[in-house]
């Protein structure tokens, strides 16, 4: 594709000469988390590139840019790979894979070719919704030690119904090719329970969804398949968090917890590194890229 071919010749030469694997990420935020806080000690074997650092018209940011940049780089003989959020499937309305709740089947799929890996969860922020990391950040922010993994999991699950509805609204909007609710919708003022559901349905109706209530119910039914409400709390949250609108969920939980986790993503990411909790599938992706370069 043309995206990478329009880059400066010097950029191509640098990437070719350094060797190893080149991994394109969707944004600078993803770069700060993956490259600077999780895999900063990979040495010469791999280099990460943020898609949104390229000038407008030659890639920009986002999943589409990553896919284009990888294809363009490989056509120039560069061992390029990419990591994109699961919501690329939502944007492309690849419903079969989007709603696949069996992780093994999802992880072996290659909808964008063998050089692109799709995250198991909605987006990178979903991995930061980790109760262990969150409890540490909450304790540090409040100069306290009262927050535990157990209490943080319980708080997250207290938000489960609202987060499912919030996510259902995003899916319903995307299915109609209209803009979803803003990330902070329902946070200020904080909306809960049926009030939040009603406001989401009203917003979708105003945006043009013909039967907003039914559209949300249909999405909720599928989202519930990712839940495991009879499992232990920690396991249940790990299952459910796969299919939540990540940035919106992080922001909503932040407002419910009175701790701005959404403004401390770097601290959450660093804590995951410190405790050896970097997502297993992302570790595997990086290993595969290095081996294939």
Protein backbone atom coordinates (compact mmCIF):
# COMPACT_ATOMS: atom_id res chain seq x y z
CA UNK A 1 0.00 0.00 0.00
CA UNK A 2 0.98 3.61 -0.46
CA UNK A 3 1.10 4.67 3.18
CA UNK A 4 4.62 3.48 3.92
CA UNK A 5 5.94 4.13 0.42
CA UNK A 6 5.24 7.85 0.89
CA UNK A 7 7.54 8.01 3.90
CA UNK A 8 10.95 9.55 3.56
CA UNK A 9 13.53 7.31 1.99
CA UNK A 10 15.79 7.90 4.97
CA UNK A 11 13.16 6.36 7.30
CA UNK A 12 13.05 3.22 5.18
CA UNK A 13 16.82 2.97 5.08
CA UNK A 14 17.15 3.32 8.85
CA UNK A 15 14.65 0.54 9.46
CA UNK A 16 16.29 -1.72 6.88
CA UNK A 17 19.80 -1.16 8.19
CA UNK A 18 19.01 -1.75 11.83
CA UNK A 19 17.52 -5.19 11.14
CA UNK A 20 15.34 -7.14 13.53
CA UNK A 21 11.58 -6.80 13.78
CA UNK A 22 9.73 -3.51 13.33
CA UNK A 23 6.41 -3.42 15.18
CA UNK A 24 3.86 -0.74 14.36
CA UNK A 25 1.46 0.36 17.11
CA UNK A 26 -1.73 2.38 16.74
CA UNK A 27 -0.82 5.48 18.74
CA UNK A 28 1.79 7.21 20.83
CA UNK A 29 -0.14 6.16 23.95
CA UNK A 30 0.21 2.52 22.89
CA UNK A 31 3.90 3.16 22.22
CA UNK A 32 4.39 4.59 25.71
CA UNK A 33 2.79 1.53 27.27
CA UNK A 34 4.10 -1.30 25.11
CA UNK A 35 7.48 0.02 24.03
CA UNK A 36 8.48 2.20 26.97
CA UNK A 37 7.00 0.36 29.93
CA UNK A 38 6.58 -3.29 28.96
CA UNK A 39 9.22 -4.17 26.36
CA UNK A 40 11.84 -1.44 26.81
CA UNK A 41 14.59 -3.99 27.45
CA UNK A 42 14.29 -6.00 24.24
CA UNK A 43 17.57 -4.62 22.89
CA UNK A 44 18.37 -4.77 19.19
CA UNK A 45 15.93 -7.54 18.35
CA UNK A 46 12.91 -5.30 17.95
CA UNK A 47 11.96 -1.67 17.40
CA UNK A 48 8.52 -0.18 17.96
CA UNK A 49 6.99 2.55 15.83
CA UNK A 50 3.87 4.60 16.57
CA UNK A 51 1.66 4.91 13.50
CA UNK A 52 0.50 8.39 14.48
CA UNK A 53 4.02 9.84 14.35
CA UNK A 54 3.94 9.83 10.57
CA UNK A 55 2.82 12.95 8.79
CA UNK A 56 -0.81 13.30 7.77
CA UNK A 57 -1.57 11.41 4.58
CA UNK A 58 1.16 8.81 5.09
CA UNK A 59 -0.41 6.67 7.78
CA UNK A 60 -1.59 8.71 10.72
CA UNK A 61 -2.76 6.69 13.70
CA UNK A 62 -5.22 3.89 14.24
CA UNK A 63 -5.64 0.28 13.23
CA UNK A 64 -6.03 1.00 9.52
CA UNK A 65 -2.77 2.89 9.47
CA UNK A 66 -0.95 0.04 11.21
CA UNK A 67 -2.23 -2.46 8.66
CA UNK A 68 -1.23 -0.20 5.76
CA UNK A 69 2.17 0.60 7.24
CA UNK A 70 3.00 -3.06 7.78
CA UNK A 71 2.07 -3.95 4.22
CA UNK A 72 4.03 -1.04 2.81
CA UNK A 73 7.09 -1.78 4.93
CA UNK A 74 7.13 -5.45 4.01
CA UNK A 75 6.91 -4.57 0.32
CA UNK A 76 10.14 -2.63 0.88
CA UNK A 77 11.85 -5.67 2.44
CA UNK A 78 11.43 -4.67 6.07
CA UNK A 79 10.44 -7.31 8.66
CA UNK A 80 7.39 -5.38 9.80
CA UNK A 81 4.54 -6.47 12.06
CA UNK A 82 1.62 -4.78 13.76
CA UNK A 83 -0.56 -4.93 16.85
CA UNK A 84 -4.11 -3.57 16.63
CA UNK A 85 -7.02 -3.33 19.05
CA UNK A 86 -9.83 -5.85 18.91
CA UNK A 87 -12.23 -3.03 18.06
CA UNK A 88 -10.82 -3.01 14.53
CA UNK A 89 -13.23 -5.93 14.03
CA UNK A 90 -16.09 -3.80 15.32
CA UNK A 91 -15.19 -0.97 12.96
CA UNK A 92 -15.03 -3.42 10.07
CA UNK A 93 -18.21 -5.18 11.28
CA UNK A 94 -16.53 -8.58 11.26
CA UNK A 95 -19.26 -9.83 13.57
CA UNK A 96 -18.34 -13.51 13.57
CA UNK A 97 -14.84 -12.95 14.98
CA UNK A 98 -15.83 -9.88 17.00
CA UNK A 99 -18.26 -11.92 19.10
CA UNK A 100 -15.99 -14.99 19.41
CA UNK A 101 -15.79 -15.60 23.15
CA UNK A 102 -13.53 -18.65 23.01
CA UNK A 103 -10.05 -17.25 23.40
CA UNK A 104 -8.22 -20.09 21.67
CA UNK A 105 -10.30 -19.70 18.52
CA UNK A 106 -9.89 -15.94 18.55
CA UNK A 107 -6.13 -16.01 19.05
CA UNK A 108 -5.52 -18.38 16.15
CA UNK A 109 -7.52 -16.28 13.69
CA UNK A 110 -5.59 -14.00 11.36
CA UNK A 111 -8.21 -11.69 9.83
CA UNK A 112 -5.59 -9.19 8.62
CA UNK A 113 -2.88 -11.60 7.59
CA UNK A 114 -0.06 -13.36 9.38
CA UNK A 115 1.88 -10.20 10.21
CA UNK A 116 -0.89 -8.46 12.16
CA UNK A 117 -1.95 -9.50 15.65
CA UNK A 118 -5.32 -8.45 17.08
CA UNK A 119 -5.60 -7.89 20.83
CA UNK A 120 -7.78 -10.34 22.72
CA UNK A 121 -9.45 -7.46 24.56
CA UNK A 122 -11.32 -4.46 23.17
CA UNK A 123 -8.26 -2.18 23.34
CA UNK A 124 -5.08 -1.66 25.30
CA UNK A 125 -6.86 0.18 28.13
CA UNK A 126 -8.70 -3.03 29.00
CA UNK A 127 -5.43 -4.57 30.17
CA UNK A 128 -4.92 -1.62 32.52
CA UNK A 129 -8.20 -2.46 34.27
CA UNK A 130 -6.18 -4.83 36.42
CA UNK A 131 -7.29 -4.90 40.08
CA UNK A 132 -3.78 -5.45 41.39
CA UNK A 133 -2.31 -2.49 39.57
CA UNK A 134 -5.40 -0.40 40.28
CA UNK A 135 -5.26 -1.05 44.02
CA UNK A 136 -1.62 0.07 44.14
CA UNK A 137 -2.35 3.25 42.17
CA UNK A 138 -5.38 4.01 44.35
CA UNK A 139 -3.34 3.55 47.53
CA UNK A 140 -0.52 5.75 46.23
CA UNK A 141 -2.92 8.45 45.03
CA UNK A 142 -4.66 8.61 48.42
CA UNK A 143 -1.56 8.03 50.56
CA UNK A 144 -3.29 5.05 52.12
CA UNK A 145 -3.15 1.26 52.22
CA UNK A 146 -6.86 0.49 52.43
CA UNK A 147 -7.34 -0.70 48.84
CA UNK A 148 -6.78 -4.41 48.18
CA UNK A 149 -7.06 -6.54 45.07
CA UNK A 150 -10.27 -8.02 46.48
CA UNK A 151 -11.89 -4.66 47.22
CA UNK A 152 -10.88 -3.33 43.80
CA UNK A 153 -12.32 -6.36 41.99
CA UNK A 154 -15.53 -5.89 43.96
CA UNK A 155 -15.69 -2.23 42.92
CA UNK A 156 -15.17 -3.12 39.26
CA UNK A 157 -17.92 -5.72 39.39
CA UNK A 158 -20.24 -3.25 41.08
CA UNK A 159 -19.97 -1.31 37.82
CA UNK A 160 -20.56 -4.37 35.63
CA UNK A 161 -24.15 -3.66 34.61
CA UNK A 162 -23.39 -0.05 33.71
CA UNK A 163 -20.25 -1.06 31.81
CA UNK A 164 -22.16 -3.68 29.84
CA UNK A 165 -24.83 -1.14 28.90
CA UNK A 166 -22.21 1.45 28.02
CA UNK A 167 -20.48 -1.09 25.80
CA UNK A 168 -23.77 -2.21 24.25
CA UNK A 169 -24.46 1.40 23.29
CA UNK A 170 -21.11 1.64 21.51
CA UNK A 171 -21.75 -1.60 19.61
CA UNK A 172 -25.27 -0.51 18.65
CA UNK A 173 -23.95 2.79 17.33
CA UNK A 174 -21.11 1.17 15.37
CA UNK A 175 -23.53 -1.31 13.83
CA UNK A 176 -25.46 1.65 12.40
CA UNK A 177 -22.27 3.46 11.31
CA UNK A 178 -22.93 6.37 13.64
CA UNK A 179 -20.70 7.89 16.30
CA UNK A 180 -20.85 6.15 19.70
CA UNK A 181 -21.34 7.98 23.00
CA UNK A 182 -18.34 10.02 24.07
CA UNK A 183 -15.86 8.24 26.34
CA UNK A 184 -16.91 10.26 29.38
CA UNK A 185 -20.65 9.89 28.78
CA UNK A 186 -22.39 9.02 32.06
CA UNK A 187 -19.45 10.09 34.23
CA UNK A 188 -20.22 13.72 35.03
CA UNK A 189 -22.79 13.70 36.42
CA UNK A 190 -22.36 10.06 37.35
CA UNK A 191 -25.23 7.93 36.04
CA UNK A 192 -26.04 4.51 37.47
CA UNK A 193 -28.55 1.71 37.03
CA UNK A 194 -31.68 2.16 34.97
CA UNK A 195 -31.08 5.92 34.75
CA UNK A 196 -27.88 5.26 32.79
CA UNK A 197 -29.62 2.71 30.57
CA UNK A 198 -32.43 5.14 29.77
CA UNK A 199 -30.00 7.96 28.97
CA UNK A 200 -28.01 5.74 26.64
CA UNK A 201 -31.14 4.61 24.81
CA UNK A 202 -32.27 8.22 24.49
CA UNK A 203 -28.90 9.29 23.11
CA UNK A 204 -28.87 6.50 20.52
CA UNK A 205 -32.41 7.40 19.46
CA UNK A 206 -31.35 11.00 18.91
CA UNK A 207 -28.40 9.77 16.86
CA UNK A 208 -30.73 7.83 14.56
CA UNK A 209 -30.91 4.28 15.92
CA UNK A 210 -34.47 3.22 15.12
CA UNK A 211 -35.03 0.86 18.08
CA UNK A 212 -32.30 1.77 20.52
CA UNK A 213 -33.64 -0.35 23.36
CA UNK A 214 -33.74 -3.51 21.24
CA UNK A 215 -30.33 -2.79 19.71
CA UNK A 216 -28.81 -2.46 23.17
CA UNK A 217 -30.57 -5.58 24.45
CA UNK A 218 -29.26 -7.57 21.50
CA UNK A 219 -25.69 -6.40 22.13
CA UNK A 220 -26.05 -7.02 25.87
CA UNK A 221 -27.03 -10.63 25.23
CA UNK A 222 -23.80 -11.19 23.32
CA UNK A 223 -21.69 -9.27 25.84
CA UNK A 224 -23.07 -11.48 28.60
CA UNK A 225 -21.48 -14.49 26.89
CA UNK A 226 -18.09 -13.05 27.84
CA UNK A 227 -19.13 -12.91 31.49
CA UNK A 228 -18.84 -15.74 33.98
CA UNK A 229 -21.13 -14.63 36.78
CA UNK A 230 -20.78 -17.89 38.75
CA UNK A 231 -16.98 -17.78 38.74
CA UNK A 232 -14.80 -16.36 41.55
CA UNK A 233 -14.74 -12.56 41.38
CA UNK A 234 -11.20 -12.18 40.01
CA UNK A 235 -11.79 -14.76 37.30
CA UNK A 236 -15.14 -13.24 36.44
CA UNK A 237 -13.60 -9.80 35.95
CA UNK A 238 -10.82 -11.22 33.77
CA UNK A 239 -13.44 -12.82 31.55
CA UNK A 240 -15.80 -9.84 31.37
CA UNK A 241 -13.16 -7.17 30.80
CA UNK A 242 -12.37 -8.66 27.37
CA UNK A 243 -15.58 -7.27 25.93
CA UNK A 244 -15.93 -3.84 27.52
CA UNK A 245 -15.43 -0.50 25.78
CA UNK A 246 -11.98 0.02 27.26
CA UNK A 247 -11.42 3.75 27.48
CA UNK A 248 -15.03 4.37 28.50
CA UNK A 249 -14.85 1.61 31.12
CA UNK A 250 -11.61 2.96 32.57
CA UNK A 251 -13.10 6.43 32.81
CA UNK A 252 -16.36 5.24 34.36
CA UNK A 253 -14.65 3.09 37.00
CA UNK A 254 -12.38 6.04 37.77
CA UNK A 255 -15.38 8.23 38.58
CA UNK A 256 -17.06 5.53 40.64
CA UNK A 257 -13.84 4.90 42.57
CA UNK A 258 -12.96 8.59 42.98
CA UNK A 259 -9.49 7.68 41.72
CA UNK A 260 -8.48 8.87 38.26
CA UNK A 261 -7.10 5.62 36.90
CA UNK A 262 -7.71 7.03 33.42
CA UNK A 263 -5.17 9.75 34.14
CA UNK A 264 -2.63 7.27 35.52
CA UNK A 265 -2.37 4.78 32.67
CA UNK A 266 1.43 4.93 32.70
CA UNK A 267 1.51 4.05 36.40
CA UNK A 268 -0.88 1.15 35.83
CA UNK A 269 1.24 -0.13 32.94
CA UNK A 270 4.46 0.16 34.93
CA UNK A 271 2.91 -1.73 37.83
CA UNK A 272 1.96 -4.59 35.50
CA UNK A 273 5.61 -4.79 34.42
CA UNK A 274 6.90 -4.68 37.99
CA UNK A 275 4.64 -7.55 39.06
CA UNK A 276 5.29 -9.67 35.97
CA UNK A 277 1.73 -9.23 34.75
CA UNK A 278 2.32 -8.11 31.16
CA UNK A 279 -0.53 -9.70 29.16
CA UNK A 280 0.45 -13.22 28.14
CA UNK A 281 -0.81 -12.97 24.58
CA UNK A 282 1.12 -9.74 23.95
CA UNK A 283 4.29 -11.36 25.29
CA UNK A 284 3.64 -14.19 22.84
CA UNK A 285 3.11 -11.76 19.96
CA UNK A 286 6.45 -10.08 20.62
CA UNK A 287 8.19 -13.45 20.83
CA UNK A 288 6.67 -14.51 17.51
CA UNK A 289 7.71 -11.28 15.81
CA UNK A 290 11.29 -11.62 16.97
CA UNK A 291 11.47 -15.24 15.86
CA UNK A 292 10.06 -14.41 12.41
CA UNK A 293 12.24 -11.36 11.72
